[in-house]
N, C-alpha and C. Protein backbone atom coordinates (compact mmCIF):
# COMPACT_ATOMS: atom_id res chain seq x y z
N UNK A 1 187.89 116.80 -99.86
CA UNK A 1 186.68 117.05 -99.09
C UNK A 1 186.93 117.03 -97.59
N UNK A 2 187.98 116.37 -97.15
CA UNK A 2 188.26 116.29 -95.72
C UNK A 2 188.74 117.62 -95.14
N UNK A 3 189.08 118.58 -95.98
CA UNK A 3 189.53 119.89 -95.50
C UNK A 3 188.39 120.65 -94.83
N UNK A 4 187.16 120.32 -95.16
CA UNK A 4 185.99 120.99 -94.59
C UNK A 4 185.66 120.37 -93.22
N UNK A 5 185.68 121.19 -92.19
CA UNK A 5 185.41 120.72 -90.82
C UNK A 5 184.05 120.04 -90.74
N UNK A 6 183.06 120.52 -91.47
CA UNK A 6 181.72 119.93 -91.43
C UNK A 6 181.72 118.50 -91.96
N UNK A 7 182.57 118.24 -92.94
CA UNK A 7 182.70 116.89 -93.48
C UNK A 7 183.27 115.97 -92.41
N UNK A 8 184.33 116.41 -91.74
CA UNK A 8 184.94 115.58 -90.70
C UNK A 8 183.95 115.32 -89.56
N UNK A 9 183.18 116.33 -89.19
CA UNK A 9 182.18 116.15 -88.14
C UNK A 9 181.09 115.18 -88.59
N UNK A 10 180.64 115.32 -89.82
CA UNK A 10 179.61 114.41 -90.34
C UNK A 10 180.10 112.97 -90.33
N UNK A 11 181.36 112.76 -90.72
CA UNK A 11 181.93 111.41 -90.70
C UNK A 11 181.98 110.87 -89.27
N UNK A 12 182.34 111.74 -88.33
CA UNK A 12 182.41 111.31 -86.93
C UNK A 12 181.03 110.90 -86.42
N UNK A 13 179.99 111.65 -86.77
CA UNK A 13 178.63 111.29 -86.36
C UNK A 13 178.15 110.01 -87.05
N UNK A 14 178.61 109.77 -88.26
CA UNK A 14 178.11 108.65 -89.06
C UNK A 14 178.69 107.30 -88.67
N UNK A 15 179.79 107.29 -87.93
CA UNK A 15 180.42 106.03 -87.53
C UNK A 15 180.03 105.72 -86.08
N UNK A 16 179.51 104.53 -85.89
CA UNK A 16 179.07 104.10 -84.56
C UNK A 16 180.26 103.51 -83.79
N UNK A 17 180.88 104.34 -82.96
CA UNK A 17 182.06 103.91 -82.22
C UNK A 17 181.74 102.77 -81.26
N UNK A 18 180.57 102.79 -80.63
CA UNK A 18 180.18 101.70 -79.72
C UNK A 18 180.07 100.38 -80.47
N UNK A 19 179.59 100.42 -81.70
CA UNK A 19 179.52 99.21 -82.53
C UNK A 19 180.92 98.64 -82.77
N UNK A 20 181.88 99.51 -83.01
CA UNK A 20 183.26 99.06 -83.21
C UNK A 20 183.81 98.44 -81.94
N UNK A 21 183.60 99.11 -80.81
CA UNK A 21 184.12 98.62 -79.53
C UNK A 21 183.47 97.29 -79.14
N UNK A 22 182.15 97.23 -79.24
CA UNK A 22 181.44 96.01 -78.83
C UNK A 22 181.62 94.86 -79.82
N UNK A 23 181.53 95.17 -81.12
CA UNK A 23 181.56 94.12 -82.14
C UNK A 23 182.94 93.61 -82.48
N UNK A 24 183.93 94.47 -82.43
CA UNK A 24 185.28 94.06 -82.83
C UNK A 24 186.18 93.81 -81.62
N UNK A 25 186.09 94.69 -80.63
CA UNK A 25 186.94 94.56 -79.45
C UNK A 25 186.25 93.83 -78.30
N UNK A 26 185.05 93.29 -78.56
CA UNK A 26 184.27 92.54 -77.57
C UNK A 26 184.06 93.35 -76.29
N UNK A 27 183.87 94.66 -76.46
CA UNK A 27 183.61 95.55 -75.34
C UNK A 27 184.84 95.97 -74.57
N UNK A 28 186.01 95.54 -75.02
CA UNK A 28 187.25 95.81 -74.29
C UNK A 28 187.97 97.02 -74.87
N UNK A 29 187.31 98.16 -74.83
CA UNK A 29 187.91 99.37 -75.35
C UNK A 29 187.09 100.58 -74.98
N UNK A 30 187.60 101.74 -75.32
CA UNK A 30 186.91 103.00 -75.10
C UNK A 30 187.08 103.86 -76.34
N UNK A 31 186.14 104.76 -76.54
CA UNK A 31 186.23 105.69 -77.66
C UNK A 31 187.44 106.59 -77.49
N UNK A 32 188.24 106.70 -78.55
CA UNK A 32 189.41 107.57 -78.52
C UNK A 32 189.00 108.99 -78.86
N UNK A 33 189.52 109.94 -78.09
CA UNK A 33 189.27 111.36 -78.38
C UNK A 33 190.58 112.09 -78.59
N UNK A 34 191.65 111.36 -78.70
CA UNK A 34 192.97 111.93 -78.89
C UNK A 34 194.01 110.86 -78.65
N UNK A 35 195.27 111.23 -78.60
CA UNK A 35 196.33 110.23 -78.48
C UNK A 35 196.58 109.72 -77.06
N UNK A 36 195.91 110.29 -76.06
CA UNK A 36 196.19 109.92 -74.68
C UNK A 36 195.11 109.02 -74.10
N UNK A 37 195.52 108.08 -73.27
CA UNK A 37 194.60 107.12 -72.66
C UNK A 37 193.84 107.76 -71.50
N UNK A 38 192.56 107.41 -71.36
CA UNK A 38 191.82 107.86 -70.18
C UNK A 38 192.54 107.39 -68.91
N UNK A 39 192.54 108.25 -67.90
CA UNK A 39 193.19 107.91 -66.64
C UNK A 39 194.63 108.37 -66.55
N UNK A 40 195.18 108.88 -67.65
CA UNK A 40 196.54 109.40 -67.60
C UNK A 40 196.49 110.91 -67.39
N UNK A 41 197.59 111.47 -66.92
CA UNK A 41 197.62 112.89 -66.59
C UNK A 41 197.43 113.78 -67.82
N UNK A 42 197.73 113.29 -69.02
CA UNK A 42 197.62 114.10 -70.22
C UNK A 42 196.22 114.07 -70.84
N UNK A 43 195.42 113.11 -70.47
CA UNK A 43 194.11 112.91 -71.07
C UNK A 43 193.18 114.09 -70.78
N UNK A 44 192.48 114.54 -71.80
CA UNK A 44 191.53 115.64 -71.67
C UNK A 44 190.12 115.09 -71.80
N UNK A 45 189.42 114.98 -70.71
CA UNK A 45 188.06 114.43 -70.72
C UNK A 45 187.05 115.40 -71.33
N UNK A 46 187.44 116.64 -71.56
CA UNK A 46 186.52 117.64 -72.09
C UNK A 46 186.53 117.75 -73.61
N UNK A 47 187.25 116.88 -74.29
CA UNK A 47 187.26 116.91 -75.76
C UNK A 47 185.86 116.58 -76.26
N UNK A 48 185.38 117.36 -77.23
CA UNK A 48 184.04 117.15 -77.78
C UNK A 48 183.93 115.76 -78.42
N UNK A 49 182.84 115.11 -78.14
CA UNK A 49 182.55 113.79 -78.73
C UNK A 49 181.48 113.93 -79.79
N UNK A 50 181.47 113.01 -80.71
CA UNK A 50 180.50 112.99 -81.79
C UNK A 50 179.78 111.64 -81.76
N UNK A 51 178.74 111.52 -80.94
CA UNK A 51 178.04 110.24 -80.83
C UNK A 51 177.36 109.86 -82.14
N UNK A 52 177.22 108.57 -82.35
CA UNK A 52 176.59 108.06 -83.57
C UNK A 52 175.20 108.65 -83.73
N UNK A 53 174.96 109.25 -84.88
CA UNK A 53 173.65 109.83 -85.19
C UNK A 53 173.60 110.08 -86.69
N UNK A 54 173.16 109.10 -87.45
CA UNK A 54 173.17 109.25 -88.90
C UNK A 54 172.09 110.21 -89.40
N UNK A 55 171.21 110.66 -88.53
CA UNK A 55 170.17 111.60 -88.94
C UNK A 55 170.59 113.05 -88.74
N UNK A 56 171.77 113.29 -88.20
CA UNK A 56 172.24 114.67 -87.98
C UNK A 56 172.31 115.43 -89.29
N UNK A 57 172.03 116.71 -89.26
CA UNK A 57 172.25 117.52 -90.47
C UNK A 57 173.69 117.39 -90.92
N UNK A 58 173.89 117.26 -92.21
CA UNK A 58 175.23 117.05 -92.73
C UNK A 58 175.47 115.59 -93.03
N UNK A 59 174.74 114.70 -92.38
CA UNK A 59 174.83 113.27 -92.69
C UNK A 59 173.70 112.85 -93.60
N UNK A 60 172.91 113.80 -94.03
CA UNK A 60 171.79 113.48 -94.91
C UNK A 60 172.02 114.13 -96.25
N UNK A 61 171.08 114.01 -97.13
CA UNK A 61 171.23 114.61 -98.46
C UNK A 61 170.78 116.06 -98.46
N UNK A 62 170.73 116.71 -97.28
CA UNK A 62 170.36 118.12 -97.20
C UNK A 62 171.62 118.96 -97.03
N UNK A 63 171.54 120.19 -97.48
CA UNK A 63 172.58 121.16 -97.14
C UNK A 63 173.83 121.07 -97.97
N UNK A 64 174.97 121.07 -97.31
CA UNK A 64 176.26 121.21 -97.97
C UNK A 64 176.73 119.97 -98.71
N UNK A 65 176.11 118.82 -98.45
CA UNK A 65 176.29 117.62 -99.26
C UNK A 65 174.92 117.23 -99.79
N UNK A 66 174.84 116.88 -101.05
CA UNK A 66 173.53 116.56 -101.62
C UNK A 66 173.66 115.43 -102.63
N UNK A 67 172.59 114.66 -102.78
CA UNK A 67 172.52 113.61 -103.79
C UNK A 67 172.01 114.25 -105.08
N UNK A 68 172.89 114.98 -105.75
CA UNK A 68 172.50 115.80 -106.90
C UNK A 68 171.98 115.00 -108.07
N UNK A 69 172.53 113.81 -108.32
CA UNK A 69 172.13 113.06 -109.49
C UNK A 69 171.21 111.88 -109.17
N UNK A 70 170.79 111.77 -107.91
CA UNK A 70 169.81 110.75 -107.54
C UNK A 70 170.33 109.33 -107.51
N UNK A 71 171.66 109.14 -107.47
CA UNK A 71 172.21 107.78 -107.49
C UNK A 71 172.45 107.21 -106.10
N UNK A 72 172.08 107.96 -105.04
CA UNK A 72 172.26 107.49 -103.68
C UNK A 72 173.58 107.87 -103.05
N UNK A 73 174.50 108.43 -103.85
CA UNK A 73 175.80 108.87 -103.33
C UNK A 73 175.79 110.38 -103.21
N UNK A 74 176.29 110.87 -102.09
CA UNK A 74 176.32 112.31 -101.87
C UNK A 74 177.35 112.98 -102.77
N UNK A 75 177.06 114.20 -103.12
CA UNK A 75 177.94 115.00 -103.97
C UNK A 75 178.18 116.34 -103.30
N UNK A 76 179.28 116.96 -103.69
CA UNK A 76 179.55 118.32 -103.25
C UNK A 76 180.20 119.05 -104.42
N UNK A 77 179.58 120.12 -104.82
CA UNK A 77 180.06 120.91 -105.96
C UNK A 77 180.31 120.02 -107.19
N UNK A 78 179.41 119.08 -107.42
CA UNK A 78 179.50 118.22 -108.58
C UNK A 78 180.45 117.04 -108.45
N UNK A 79 181.11 116.89 -107.31
CA UNK A 79 182.04 115.79 -107.12
C UNK A 79 181.42 114.76 -106.19
N UNK A 80 181.42 113.49 -106.62
CA UNK A 80 180.89 112.41 -105.78
C UNK A 80 181.73 112.29 -104.52
N UNK A 81 181.07 112.07 -103.39
CA UNK A 81 181.81 111.89 -102.14
C UNK A 81 182.15 110.41 -102.02
N UNK A 82 183.35 110.10 -102.46
CA UNK A 82 183.87 108.74 -102.37
C UNK A 82 185.36 108.82 -102.09
N UNK A 83 185.83 107.84 -101.34
CA UNK A 83 187.26 107.81 -101.04
C UNK A 83 187.71 106.40 -100.78
N UNK A 84 189.05 106.22 -100.80
CA UNK A 84 189.67 104.93 -100.57
C UNK A 84 190.21 104.89 -99.15
N UNK A 85 189.93 103.80 -98.45
CA UNK A 85 190.38 103.60 -97.07
C UNK A 85 191.40 102.47 -97.08
N UNK A 86 192.65 102.81 -96.73
CA UNK A 86 193.73 101.82 -96.72
C UNK A 86 193.84 101.12 -95.38
N UNK A 87 194.11 99.82 -95.44
CA UNK A 87 194.31 98.98 -94.26
C UNK A 87 195.46 98.04 -94.56
N UNK A 88 196.31 97.78 -93.56
CA UNK A 88 197.40 96.85 -93.80
C UNK A 88 196.91 95.40 -93.70
N UNK A 89 197.48 94.57 -94.54
CA UNK A 89 197.17 93.14 -94.57
C UNK A 89 197.60 92.49 -93.27
N UNK A 90 196.83 91.51 -92.81
CA UNK A 90 197.20 90.74 -91.64
C UNK A 90 196.69 91.30 -90.33
N UNK A 91 195.92 92.36 -90.37
CA UNK A 91 195.36 92.93 -89.14
C UNK A 91 193.84 92.84 -89.23
N UNK A 92 193.29 91.78 -88.65
CA UNK A 92 191.86 91.51 -88.72
C UNK A 92 191.02 92.60 -88.07
N UNK A 93 191.50 93.18 -86.98
CA UNK A 93 190.77 94.24 -86.29
C UNK A 93 190.59 95.44 -87.22
N UNK A 94 191.66 95.84 -87.88
CA UNK A 94 191.57 96.99 -88.79
C UNK A 94 190.71 96.68 -90.01
N UNK A 95 190.80 95.47 -90.54
CA UNK A 95 189.97 95.10 -91.69
C UNK A 95 188.49 95.12 -91.33
N UNK A 96 188.14 94.57 -90.16
CA UNK A 96 186.74 94.58 -89.72
C UNK A 96 186.27 96.01 -89.44
N UNK A 97 187.14 96.82 -88.86
CA UNK A 97 186.80 98.21 -88.61
C UNK A 97 186.48 98.92 -89.93
N UNK A 98 187.32 98.69 -90.93
CA UNK A 98 187.10 99.31 -92.24
C UNK A 98 185.75 98.89 -92.83
N UNK A 99 185.38 97.63 -92.66
CA UNK A 99 184.10 97.15 -93.18
C UNK A 99 182.91 97.84 -92.50
N UNK A 100 182.99 98.01 -91.20
CA UNK A 100 181.91 98.68 -90.48
C UNK A 100 181.85 100.15 -90.86
N UNK A 101 183.00 100.81 -90.96
CA UNK A 101 183.02 102.21 -91.38
C UNK A 101 182.43 102.33 -92.78
N UNK A 102 182.81 101.43 -93.67
CA UNK A 102 182.28 101.45 -95.03
C UNK A 102 180.76 101.32 -95.03
N UNK A 103 180.24 100.39 -94.25
CA UNK A 103 178.79 100.17 -94.20
C UNK A 103 178.06 101.38 -93.62
N UNK A 104 178.56 101.92 -92.53
CA UNK A 104 177.90 103.08 -91.90
C UNK A 104 177.93 104.31 -92.81
N UNK A 105 179.06 104.55 -93.47
CA UNK A 105 179.12 105.71 -94.36
C UNK A 105 178.25 105.51 -95.59
N UNK A 106 178.13 104.27 -96.06
CA UNK A 106 177.24 104.00 -97.20
C UNK A 106 175.80 104.35 -96.85
N UNK A 107 175.42 104.14 -95.59
CA UNK A 107 174.06 104.50 -95.14
C UNK A 107 173.80 106.00 -95.26
N UNK A 108 174.85 106.80 -95.22
CA UNK A 108 174.69 108.25 -95.32
C UNK A 108 174.91 108.74 -96.75
N UNK A 109 175.26 107.82 -97.67
CA UNK A 109 175.47 108.21 -99.05
C UNK A 109 176.91 108.47 -99.42
N UNK A 110 177.85 108.01 -98.59
CA UNK A 110 179.28 108.21 -98.86
C UNK A 110 179.87 106.85 -99.25
N UNK A 111 180.52 106.82 -100.41
CA UNK A 111 181.08 105.59 -100.93
C UNK A 111 182.53 105.42 -100.49
N UNK A 112 182.83 104.29 -99.85
CA UNK A 112 184.18 104.00 -99.37
C UNK A 112 184.66 102.70 -100.01
N UNK A 113 185.82 102.76 -100.63
CA UNK A 113 186.45 101.56 -101.19
C UNK A 113 187.57 101.16 -100.24
N UNK A 114 187.53 99.93 -99.76
CA UNK A 114 188.58 99.42 -98.86
C UNK A 114 189.68 98.80 -99.70
N UNK A 115 190.91 99.13 -99.35
CA UNK A 115 192.06 98.54 -100.04
C UNK A 115 193.01 97.99 -98.99
N UNK A 116 193.24 96.68 -99.03
CA UNK A 116 194.12 96.01 -98.09
C UNK A 116 195.47 95.77 -98.77
N UNK A 117 196.54 96.23 -98.12
CA UNK A 117 197.86 96.22 -98.74
C UNK A 117 198.87 95.57 -97.81
N UNK A 118 199.77 94.78 -98.39
CA UNK A 118 200.85 94.13 -97.66
C UNK A 118 201.65 95.20 -96.92
N UNK A 119 202.12 94.88 -95.69
CA UNK A 119 202.70 95.85 -94.78
C UNK A 119 203.84 96.68 -95.38
N UNK A 120 204.84 96.03 -95.98
CA UNK A 120 206.00 96.78 -96.50
C UNK A 120 205.57 97.77 -97.58
N UNK A 121 204.73 97.34 -98.49
CA UNK A 121 204.23 98.24 -99.53
C UNK A 121 203.33 99.32 -98.94
N UNK A 122 202.53 98.94 -97.94
CA UNK A 122 201.65 99.88 -97.25
C UNK A 122 202.46 101.06 -96.71
N UNK A 123 203.56 100.76 -96.03
CA UNK A 123 204.40 101.82 -95.46
C UNK A 123 205.20 102.55 -96.54
N UNK A 124 205.93 101.80 -97.36
CA UNK A 124 206.86 102.40 -98.32
C UNK A 124 206.16 103.15 -99.45
N UNK A 125 205.12 102.56 -100.01
CA UNK A 125 204.49 103.15 -101.20
C UNK A 125 203.30 104.06 -100.90
N UNK A 126 202.71 103.92 -99.73
CA UNK A 126 201.51 104.71 -99.45
C UNK A 126 201.69 105.66 -98.27
N UNK A 127 202.04 105.15 -97.10
CA UNK A 127 202.16 106.01 -95.91
C UNK A 127 203.32 106.99 -96.09
N UNK A 128 204.51 106.48 -96.35
CA UNK A 128 205.68 107.36 -96.47
C UNK A 128 205.55 108.36 -97.61
N UNK A 129 204.87 107.98 -98.67
CA UNK A 129 204.71 108.88 -99.83
C UNK A 129 203.41 109.69 -99.75
N UNK A 130 202.66 109.47 -98.66
CA UNK A 130 201.39 110.18 -98.44
C UNK A 130 200.43 110.01 -99.61
N UNK A 131 200.33 108.79 -100.10
CA UNK A 131 199.45 108.47 -101.22
C UNK A 131 198.21 107.74 -100.71
N UNK A 132 197.36 108.45 -100.00
CA UNK A 132 196.13 107.83 -99.50
C UNK A 132 195.10 108.91 -99.22
N UNK A 133 193.82 108.51 -99.28
CA UNK A 133 192.73 109.39 -98.88
C UNK A 133 192.53 109.29 -97.38
N UNK A 134 192.43 108.04 -96.89
CA UNK A 134 192.22 107.77 -95.46
C UNK A 134 192.89 106.44 -95.15
N UNK A 135 193.27 106.26 -93.89
CA UNK A 135 194.00 105.06 -93.50
C UNK A 135 193.62 104.70 -92.07
N UNK A 136 193.62 103.41 -91.78
CA UNK A 136 193.44 102.95 -90.40
C UNK A 136 194.80 102.43 -89.93
N UNK A 137 195.32 103.06 -88.89
CA UNK A 137 196.57 102.68 -88.27
C UNK A 137 196.42 102.79 -86.77
N UNK A 138 197.39 102.30 -86.05
CA UNK A 138 197.36 102.41 -84.60
C UNK A 138 198.74 102.24 -84.02
N UNK A 139 198.89 102.64 -82.80
CA UNK A 139 200.13 102.43 -82.08
C UNK A 139 199.81 102.37 -80.59
N UNK A 140 200.74 101.82 -79.84
CA UNK A 140 200.58 101.72 -78.39
C UNK A 140 201.23 102.93 -77.74
N UNK A 141 200.51 103.53 -76.83
CA UNK A 141 201.01 104.70 -76.10
C UNK A 141 201.21 104.28 -74.65
N UNK A 142 202.43 104.45 -74.12
CA UNK A 142 202.65 104.09 -72.72
C UNK A 142 201.92 105.04 -71.77
N UNK A 143 201.84 104.69 -70.50
CA UNK A 143 201.12 105.51 -69.52
C UNK A 143 201.73 106.90 -69.37
N UNK A 144 203.02 107.04 -69.57
CA UNK A 144 203.66 108.36 -69.52
C UNK A 144 204.32 108.61 -70.87
N UNK A 145 203.53 108.97 -71.86
CA UNK A 145 204.04 109.01 -73.22
C UNK A 145 204.86 110.25 -73.55
N UNK A 146 205.78 110.06 -74.47
CA UNK A 146 206.48 111.16 -75.09
C UNK A 146 206.15 111.04 -76.58
N UNK A 147 205.21 111.85 -77.04
CA UNK A 147 204.73 111.73 -78.41
C UNK A 147 205.51 112.58 -79.40
N UNK A 148 206.66 113.05 -79.01
CA UNK A 148 207.49 113.88 -79.87
C UNK A 148 207.73 113.21 -81.23
N UNK A 149 208.13 111.94 -81.22
CA UNK A 149 208.43 111.24 -82.48
C UNK A 149 207.21 111.02 -83.35
N UNK A 150 206.03 111.08 -82.78
CA UNK A 150 204.81 110.87 -83.56
C UNK A 150 204.25 112.19 -84.09
N UNK A 151 204.22 113.22 -83.25
CA UNK A 151 203.48 114.43 -83.59
C UNK A 151 204.31 115.66 -83.89
N UNK A 152 205.56 115.73 -83.51
CA UNK A 152 206.33 116.96 -83.71
C UNK A 152 206.57 117.21 -85.20
N UNK A 153 206.41 118.45 -85.62
CA UNK A 153 206.53 118.80 -87.03
C UNK A 153 207.91 118.50 -87.61
N UNK A 154 208.93 118.46 -86.78
CA UNK A 154 210.26 118.14 -87.30
C UNK A 154 210.37 116.70 -87.75
N UNK A 155 209.43 115.87 -87.39
CA UNK A 155 209.46 114.45 -87.72
C UNK A 155 208.67 114.11 -88.98
N UNK A 156 208.06 115.08 -89.62
CA UNK A 156 207.22 114.79 -90.78
C UNK A 156 208.01 114.39 -92.01
N UNK A 157 209.22 114.93 -92.18
CA UNK A 157 210.02 114.61 -93.35
C UNK A 157 209.36 115.13 -94.61
N UNK A 158 209.92 114.77 -95.72
CA UNK A 158 209.37 115.20 -97.00
C UNK A 158 208.74 114.02 -97.69
N UNK A 159 207.64 114.27 -98.36
CA UNK A 159 206.99 113.20 -99.14
C UNK A 159 207.87 112.84 -100.32
N UNK A 160 207.99 111.57 -100.58
CA UNK A 160 208.84 111.11 -101.70
C UNK A 160 208.10 111.22 -103.00
């Protein structure tokens, strides 16, 4: 379902980024719109933002997602909209973020199951093998980043 741009936009509208920043980071953060930090030469301030709005079309049971069977979960073409969100064990910020995302998406009728996995297994069995629906990860980007190792297609390797 994530292949549909409208689904990704609906998810972006359904998650309250300010709630994450204020509640988890104690206000010490900014909404990410890409891999570059605000204030750096690579940062693009014109990237479209998706402010929290759970009433937006696409986040309701109207249109391209619908509650076809009346169980409160959205469906598309007969398939329930549910997915698993992976988080590594030992990272409280990511675990709390997953809980808030789960709650906000549930309000729109999307079911999210959180799965917390020990770090080595998380990387070896899930990330490296690309066995996940969605994942919360992060990395530190220096002020003058070279993101070649993160984003260049030659670095993707083959799924095991």
